[in-house]
């Protein structure tokens, strides 16, 4: 029952916003995009420039273009109204499937990444907004 949207604002900033509902055992919202031009091979990790609302989010990477399947996640805490530059080395990502840890998953390889996404979960009920200025590598 949660709802969310991804909007382009000011010509160069994506805004992931919506409302998390706890109805029907809910409590999460997500968005993702297929990667086409982000060259990640040979890099140490992924870098974000975001402005949040004080809530906790996940950066999620997928090695498959399928709708469902395993994702590699890294959690981050936002500071309300402040831009943050966050760096996530490949080793900091944990494999999950539908919220559960996948202990026998292969290690994340940059060359295999096909999708990038964001998720708000942990039953953080109510409105949320995450502005994303940069998704890059380092």
N, C-alpha and C. Protein backbone atom coordinates (compact mmCIF):
# COMPACT_ATOMS: atom_id res chain seq x y z
N UNK A 1 0.82 -1.18 0.00
CA UNK A 1 0.00 0.00 0.00
C UNK A 1 0.87 1.26 0.00
N UNK A 2 2.16 1.11 0.28
CA UNK A 2 3.06 2.26 0.21
C UNK A 2 3.08 2.77 -1.22
N UNK A 3 3.39 4.03 -1.37
CA UNK A 3 3.50 4.58 -2.72
C UNK A 3 4.72 5.48 -2.80
N UNK A 4 5.29 5.51 -4.00
CA UNK A 4 6.48 6.33 -4.20
C UNK A 4 6.57 6.76 -5.64
N UNK A 5 7.43 7.74 -5.88
CA UNK A 5 7.69 8.22 -7.23
C UNK A 5 9.14 8.67 -7.32
N UNK A 6 9.61 8.75 -8.53
CA UNK A 6 10.94 9.27 -8.81
C UNK A 6 10.74 10.41 -9.80
N UNK A 7 11.20 11.59 -9.43
CA UNK A 7 10.98 12.78 -10.24
C UNK A 7 12.30 13.49 -10.50
N UNK A 8 12.45 14.05 -11.69
CA UNK A 8 13.60 14.89 -12.00
C UNK A 8 13.28 16.31 -11.58
N UNK A 9 14.12 16.87 -10.72
CA UNK A 9 13.92 18.23 -10.22
C UNK A 9 15.13 19.09 -10.56
N UNK A 10 14.90 20.31 -10.86
CA UNK A 10 15.97 21.28 -11.15
C UNK A 10 16.90 20.82 -12.27
N UNK A 11 16.45 19.92 -13.11
CA UNK A 11 17.22 19.48 -14.26
C UNK A 11 18.34 18.51 -14.00
N UNK A 12 18.77 18.36 -12.74
CA UNK A 12 19.90 17.48 -12.48
C UNK A 12 19.82 16.70 -11.17
N UNK A 13 18.66 16.69 -10.53
CA UNK A 13 18.51 16.00 -9.26
C UNK A 13 17.29 15.08 -9.32
N UNK A 14 17.50 13.81 -8.99
CA UNK A 14 16.38 12.88 -8.87
C UNK A 14 15.84 12.95 -7.45
N UNK A 15 14.52 12.91 -7.33
CA UNK A 15 13.91 12.92 -6.01
C UNK A 15 13.04 11.68 -5.87
N UNK A 16 13.41 10.83 -4.92
CA UNK A 16 12.65 9.63 -4.56
C UNK A 16 11.81 10.02 -3.35
N UNK A 17 10.49 10.04 -3.54
CA UNK A 17 9.61 10.47 -2.45
C UNK A 17 8.35 9.63 -2.43
N UNK A 18 7.68 9.67 -1.29
CA UNK A 18 6.42 8.95 -1.18
C UNK A 18 5.97 8.83 0.25
N UNK A 19 5.15 7.80 0.49
CA UNK A 19 4.59 7.53 1.81
C UNK A 19 4.71 6.03 2.07
N UNK A 20 5.32 5.67 3.18
CA UNK A 20 5.42 4.28 3.60
C UNK A 20 4.21 3.96 4.48
N UNK A 21 3.50 2.91 4.11
CA UNK A 21 2.33 2.46 4.85
C UNK A 21 2.64 1.11 5.50
N UNK A 22 2.09 0.90 6.68
CA UNK A 22 2.25 -0.37 7.37
C UNK A 22 1.06 -1.30 7.13
N UNK A 23 0.08 -0.86 6.34
CA UNK A 23 -1.08 -1.70 6.04
C UNK A 23 -0.65 -2.94 5.26
N UNK A 24 -1.42 -4.03 5.43
CA UNK A 24 -1.17 -5.28 4.70
C UNK A 24 0.26 -5.79 4.88
N UNK A 25 0.81 -5.62 6.09
CA UNK A 25 2.18 -6.07 6.40
C UNK A 25 3.22 -5.37 5.52
N UNK A 26 2.96 -4.11 5.18
CA UNK A 26 3.86 -3.33 4.33
C UNK A 26 5.03 -2.79 5.13
N UNK A 27 5.49 -1.63 4.74
CA UNK A 27 6.57 -0.99 5.46
C UNK A 27 7.79 -0.68 4.63
N UNK A 28 7.63 -0.66 3.29
CA UNK A 28 8.79 -0.32 2.45
C UNK A 28 8.31 0.29 1.13
N UNK A 29 9.23 0.98 0.47
CA UNK A 29 9.03 1.51 -0.88
C UNK A 29 10.39 1.51 -1.55
N UNK A 30 10.39 1.31 -2.87
CA UNK A 30 11.67 1.27 -3.57
C UNK A 30 11.53 1.78 -5.00
N UNK A 31 12.68 2.06 -5.57
CA UNK A 31 12.78 2.48 -6.96
C UNK A 31 14.11 1.95 -7.48
N UNK A 32 14.16 1.64 -8.77
CA UNK A 32 15.44 1.18 -9.35
C UNK A 32 15.48 1.52 -10.83
N UNK A 33 16.70 1.46 -11.37
CA UNK A 33 16.93 1.83 -12.76
C UNK A 33 18.01 0.94 -13.35
N UNK A 34 17.82 0.53 -14.59
CA UNK A 34 18.85 -0.23 -15.30
C UNK A 34 20.04 0.69 -15.58
N UNK A 35 21.22 0.16 -15.38
CA UNK A 35 22.44 0.94 -15.66
C UNK A 35 22.82 0.79 -17.12
N UNK A 36 23.14 1.89 -17.72
CA UNK A 36 23.57 1.85 -19.12
C UNK A 36 24.92 2.52 -19.31
N UNK A 37 25.16 3.60 -18.55
CA UNK A 37 26.36 4.38 -18.85
C UNK A 37 27.31 4.54 -17.67
N UNK A 38 27.01 3.97 -16.54
CA UNK A 38 27.89 4.14 -15.39
C UNK A 38 28.98 3.07 -15.43
N UNK A 39 30.19 3.48 -15.74
CA UNK A 39 31.32 2.55 -15.85
C UNK A 39 31.87 2.26 -14.46
N UNK A 40 31.62 1.05 -13.97
CA UNK A 40 32.02 0.70 -12.61
C UNK A 40 33.21 -0.25 -12.56
N UNK A 41 33.50 -0.94 -13.63
CA UNK A 41 34.62 -1.89 -13.65
C UNK A 41 35.92 -1.16 -13.36
N UNK A 42 36.75 -1.79 -12.53
CA UNK A 42 38.04 -1.21 -12.18
C UNK A 42 37.96 -0.12 -11.13
N UNK A 43 36.80 0.15 -10.62
CA UNK A 43 36.63 1.18 -9.59
C UNK A 43 36.57 0.52 -8.21
N UNK A 44 36.77 1.32 -7.16
CA UNK A 44 36.78 0.80 -5.80
C UNK A 44 35.39 0.71 -5.17
N UNK A 45 34.45 1.47 -5.71
CA UNK A 45 33.11 1.47 -5.15
C UNK A 45 32.23 2.49 -5.81
N UNK A 46 31.09 2.73 -5.18
CA UNK A 46 30.10 3.66 -5.72
C UNK A 46 29.95 4.83 -4.76
N UNK A 47 29.73 6.02 -5.31
CA UNK A 47 29.64 7.24 -4.54
C UNK A 47 28.29 7.90 -4.81
N UNK A 48 27.69 8.43 -3.75
CA UNK A 48 26.42 9.15 -3.86
C UNK A 48 26.57 10.55 -3.28
N UNK A 49 25.85 11.48 -3.86
CA UNK A 49 25.63 12.79 -3.24
C UNK A 49 24.13 12.90 -3.07
N UNK A 50 23.68 12.89 -1.80
CA UNK A 50 22.25 12.86 -1.50
C UNK A 50 21.90 13.88 -0.42
N UNK A 51 20.63 14.27 -0.43
CA UNK A 51 20.07 15.09 0.65
C UNK A 51 18.82 14.39 1.13
N UNK A 52 18.78 14.04 2.40
CA UNK A 52 17.68 13.26 2.92
C UNK A 52 16.83 13.99 3.94
N UNK A 53 16.04 13.20 4.61
CA UNK A 53 15.05 13.68 5.56
C UNK A 53 15.30 13.15 6.97
N UNK A 54 16.49 12.64 7.21
CA UNK A 54 16.82 12.08 8.51
C UNK A 54 16.48 10.61 8.66
N UNK A 55 15.96 10.00 7.60
CA UNK A 55 15.61 8.57 7.64
C UNK A 55 16.74 7.72 7.09
N UNK A 56 16.62 6.42 7.33
CA UNK A 56 17.62 5.44 6.89
C UNK A 56 17.15 4.83 5.56
N UNK A 57 18.08 4.69 4.62
CA UNK A 57 17.80 4.15 3.30
C UNK A 57 18.80 3.05 2.97
N UNK A 58 18.53 2.37 1.88
CA UNK A 58 19.45 1.38 1.34
C UNK A 58 19.79 1.75 -0.10
N UNK A 59 21.05 1.65 -0.44
CA UNK A 59 21.49 1.64 -1.82
C UNK A 59 21.50 0.18 -2.23
N UNK A 60 20.83 -0.15 -3.33
CA UNK A 60 20.70 -1.54 -3.74
C UNK A 60 21.23 -1.71 -5.17
N UNK A 61 22.09 -2.69 -5.32
CA UNK A 61 22.67 -3.02 -6.63
C UNK A 61 22.24 -4.43 -7.01
N UNK A 62 21.91 -4.62 -8.26
CA UNK A 62 21.50 -5.94 -8.75
C UNK A 62 22.39 -6.34 -9.92
N UNK A 63 22.70 -7.62 -9.96
CA UNK A 63 23.54 -8.15 -11.03
C UNK A 63 22.70 -8.79 -12.14
N UNK A 64 21.38 -8.69 -12.00
CA UNK A 64 20.46 -9.22 -13.00
C UNK A 64 19.48 -8.11 -13.36
N UNK A 65 19.00 -8.13 -14.59
CA UNK A 65 18.00 -7.16 -15.01
C UNK A 65 16.59 -7.61 -14.71
N UNK A 66 16.46 -8.78 -14.08
CA UNK A 66 15.13 -9.30 -13.75
C UNK A 66 14.44 -8.45 -12.70
N UNK A 67 13.10 -8.54 -12.66
CA UNK A 67 12.34 -7.77 -11.69
C UNK A 67 12.60 -8.26 -10.27
N UNK A 68 12.62 -9.57 -10.08
CA UNK A 68 12.80 -10.13 -8.74
C UNK A 68 14.14 -10.85 -8.69
N UNK A 69 14.68 -10.98 -7.52
CA UNK A 69 15.93 -11.69 -7.38
C UNK A 69 16.79 -11.06 -6.30
N UNK A 70 17.98 -11.55 -6.18
CA UNK A 70 18.90 -11.11 -5.16
C UNK A 70 19.40 -9.69 -5.44
N UNK A 71 19.63 -8.96 -4.35
CA UNK A 71 20.20 -7.62 -4.44
C UNK A 71 21.36 -7.52 -3.45
N UNK A 72 22.27 -6.61 -3.73
CA UNK A 72 23.36 -6.31 -2.81
C UNK A 72 23.05 -4.95 -2.21
N UNK A 73 23.04 -4.86 -0.88
CA UNK A 73 22.61 -3.63 -0.23
C UNK A 73 23.68 -3.03 0.66
N UNK A 74 23.61 -1.72 0.78
CA UNK A 74 24.42 -0.96 1.74
C UNK A 74 23.48 0.08 2.35
N UNK A 75 23.39 0.08 3.67
CA UNK A 75 22.52 1.02 4.38
C UNK A 75 23.22 2.36 4.57
N UNK A 76 22.41 3.42 4.61
CA UNK A 76 22.95 4.73 4.96
C UNK A 76 21.90 5.57 5.66
N UNK A 77 22.37 6.37 6.59
CA UNK A 77 21.52 7.26 7.38
C UNK A 77 21.66 8.66 6.81
N UNK A 78 20.53 9.32 6.56
CA UNK A 78 20.58 10.69 6.08
C UNK A 78 20.49 11.67 7.24
N UNK A 79 20.92 12.88 6.97
CA UNK A 79 20.81 13.99 7.91
C UNK A 79 19.80 14.95 7.30
N UNK A 80 18.76 15.25 8.03
CA UNK A 80 17.68 16.05 7.48
C UNK A 80 18.16 17.37 6.89
N UNK A 81 17.85 17.57 5.60
CA UNK A 81 18.13 18.82 4.93
C UNK A 81 19.57 19.08 4.58
N UNK A 82 20.48 18.12 4.77
CA UNK A 82 21.90 18.34 4.49
C UNK A 82 22.37 17.45 3.34
N UNK A 83 23.15 18.03 2.44
CA UNK A 83 23.78 17.24 1.39
C UNK A 83 24.90 16.42 2.01
N UNK A 84 25.00 15.16 1.60
CA UNK A 84 26.05 14.27 2.08
C UNK A 84 26.70 13.59 0.88
N UNK A 85 28.01 13.43 0.93
CA UNK A 85 28.71 12.61 -0.05
C UNK A 85 29.07 11.31 0.65
N UNK A 86 28.55 10.21 0.12
CA UNK A 86 28.73 8.90 0.73
C UNK A 86 29.49 7.99 -0.21
N UNK A 87 30.41 7.22 0.33
CA UNK A 87 31.21 6.28 -0.46
C UNK A 87 30.99 4.87 0.06
N UNK A 88 30.75 3.96 -0.86
CA UNK A 88 30.47 2.56 -0.52
C UNK A 88 31.44 1.65 -1.28
N UNK A 89 32.49 1.15 -0.63
CA UNK A 89 33.37 0.18 -1.29
C UNK A 89 32.57 -1.10 -1.58
N UNK A 90 32.95 -1.80 -2.62
CA UNK A 90 32.23 -3.03 -3.00
C UNK A 90 32.12 -4.01 -1.83
N UNK A 91 33.13 -4.04 -0.98
CA UNK A 91 33.14 -4.99 0.14
C UNK A 91 32.08 -4.69 1.20
N UNK A 92 31.48 -3.52 1.19
CA UNK A 92 30.47 -3.14 2.18
C UNK A 92 29.06 -3.60 1.81
N UNK A 93 28.88 -4.16 0.62
CA UNK A 93 27.56 -4.59 0.19
C UNK A 93 27.27 -6.01 0.67
N UNK A 94 26.05 -6.22 1.13
CA UNK A 94 25.59 -7.51 1.63
C UNK A 94 24.50 -8.05 0.71
N UNK A 95 24.59 -9.31 0.36
CA UNK A 95 23.58 -9.94 -0.51
C UNK A 95 22.31 -10.24 0.27
N UNK A 96 21.16 -9.85 -0.31
CA UNK A 96 19.87 -10.12 0.32
C UNK A 96 18.86 -10.58 -0.73
N UNK A 97 17.85 -11.29 -0.26
CA UNK A 97 16.72 -11.66 -1.09
C UNK A 97 15.46 -11.47 -0.26
N UNK A 98 14.61 -10.55 -0.69
CA UNK A 98 13.37 -10.23 0.03
C UNK A 98 13.63 -9.95 1.51
N UNK A 99 14.67 -9.18 1.77
CA UNK A 99 14.97 -8.75 3.12
C UNK A 99 15.78 -9.70 3.97
N UNK A 100 16.13 -10.86 3.41
CA UNK A 100 16.90 -11.84 4.18
C UNK A 100 18.32 -11.96 3.62
N UNK A 101 19.27 -12.09 4.52
CA UNK A 101 20.68 -12.28 4.17
C UNK A 101 20.86 -13.57 3.36
N UNK A 102 21.68 -13.51 2.32
CA UNK A 102 21.99 -14.68 1.49
C UNK A 102 23.45 -15.05 1.75
N UNK A 103 23.69 -16.03 2.63
CA UNK A 103 25.06 -16.33 3.07
C UNK A 103 25.96 -16.92 1.99
N UNK A 104 25.42 -17.62 1.02
CA UNK A 104 26.25 -18.27 0.01
C UNK A 104 26.30 -17.51 -1.32
N UNK A 105 25.95 -16.25 -1.29
CA UNK A 105 25.95 -15.43 -2.51
C UNK A 105 27.38 -15.16 -2.97
N UNK A 106 27.57 -15.06 -4.27
CA UNK A 106 28.91 -14.69 -4.75
C UNK A 106 29.24 -13.25 -4.34
N UNK A 107 30.51 -12.95 -4.23
CA UNK A 107 30.93 -11.58 -3.91
C UNK A 107 30.53 -10.66 -5.06
N UNK A 108 30.09 -9.47 -4.71
CA UNK A 108 29.69 -8.48 -5.70
C UNK A 108 30.89 -8.08 -6.55
N UNK A 109 30.72 -8.13 -7.87
CA UNK A 109 31.74 -7.67 -8.81
C UNK A 109 31.18 -6.50 -9.59
N UNK A 110 31.92 -5.42 -9.66
CA UNK A 110 31.47 -4.21 -10.34
C UNK A 110 31.05 -4.47 -11.78
N UNK A 111 31.75 -5.34 -12.46
CA UNK A 111 31.44 -5.61 -13.87
C UNK A 111 30.10 -6.30 -14.06
N UNK A 112 29.54 -6.88 -12.99
CA UNK A 112 28.27 -7.60 -13.08
C UNK A 112 27.05 -6.74 -12.75
N UNK A 113 27.24 -5.52 -12.28
CA UNK A 113 26.11 -4.69 -11.84
C UNK A 113 25.28 -4.24 -13.03
N UNK A 114 23.97 -4.49 -12.93
CA UNK A 114 23.03 -4.15 -14.02
C UNK A 114 21.97 -3.14 -13.61
N UNK A 115 21.71 -3.02 -12.30
CA UNK A 115 20.68 -2.09 -11.82
C UNK A 115 21.15 -1.41 -10.55
N UNK A 116 20.69 -0.18 -10.36
CA UNK A 116 20.92 0.55 -9.12
C UNK A 116 19.56 1.01 -8.62
N UNK A 117 19.38 0.97 -7.29
CA UNK A 117 18.11 1.39 -6.73
C UNK A 117 18.24 1.88 -5.31
N UNK A 118 17.13 2.39 -4.81
CA UNK A 118 17.05 2.88 -3.44
C UNK A 118 15.81 2.28 -2.79
N UNK A 119 15.91 2.01 -1.50
CA UNK A 119 14.81 1.43 -0.75
C UNK A 119 14.74 2.09 0.62
N UNK A 120 13.53 2.35 1.05
CA UNK A 120 13.28 2.74 2.43
C UNK A 120 12.47 1.62 3.04
N UNK A 121 12.89 1.13 4.20
CA UNK A 121 12.21 -0.02 4.81
C UNK A 121 12.25 0.14 6.33
N UNK A 122 12.26 -0.98 7.02
CA UNK A 122 12.31 -1.01 8.49
C UNK A 122 11.10 -0.32 9.11
N UNK A 123 9.97 -0.39 8.40
CA UNK A 123 8.69 0.11 8.94
C UNK A 123 8.76 1.58 9.34
N UNK A 124 9.48 2.40 8.56
CA UNK A 124 9.57 3.84 8.81
C UNK A 124 8.33 4.51 8.22
N UNK A 125 7.23 4.37 8.92
CA UNK A 125 5.93 4.83 8.43
C UNK A 125 5.90 6.34 8.21
N UNK A 126 5.19 6.75 7.16
CA UNK A 126 4.99 8.16 6.88
C UNK A 126 5.70 8.60 5.63
N UNK A 127 5.71 9.91 5.42
CA UNK A 127 6.29 10.47 4.20
C UNK A 127 7.81 10.42 4.27
N UNK A 128 8.42 10.39 3.08
CA UNK A 128 9.88 10.38 2.97
C UNK A 128 10.28 11.12 1.71
N UNK A 129 11.53 11.60 1.70
CA UNK A 129 12.05 12.25 0.49
C UNK A 129 13.58 12.18 0.50
N UNK A 130 14.11 11.65 -0.57
CA UNK A 130 15.56 11.54 -0.75
C UNK A 130 15.93 12.16 -2.09
N UNK A 131 16.72 13.23 -2.06
CA UNK A 131 17.21 13.88 -3.27
C UNK A 131 18.56 13.26 -3.64
N UNK A 132 18.72 12.90 -4.90
CA UNK A 132 19.93 12.23 -5.38
C UNK A 132 20.55 13.09 -6.46
N UNK A 133 21.68 13.69 -6.15
CA UNK A 133 22.36 14.58 -7.10
C UNK A 133 23.36 13.82 -7.96
N UNK A 134 24.06 12.85 -7.35
CA UNK A 134 25.11 12.13 -8.04
C UNK A 134 25.09 10.66 -7.69
N UNK A 135 25.24 9.82 -8.70
CA UNK A 135 25.55 8.40 -8.53
C UNK A 135 26.77 8.17 -9.41
N UNK A 136 27.90 7.89 -8.80
CA UNK A 136 29.13 7.74 -9.56
C UNK A 136 30.03 6.69 -8.95
N UNK A 137 31.25 6.67 -9.37
CA UNK A 137 32.20 5.69 -8.86
C UNK A 137 33.42 6.42 -8.31
N UNK A 138 34.23 5.67 -7.58
CA UNK A 138 35.48 6.23 -7.06
C UNK A 138 36.55 5.15 -7.10
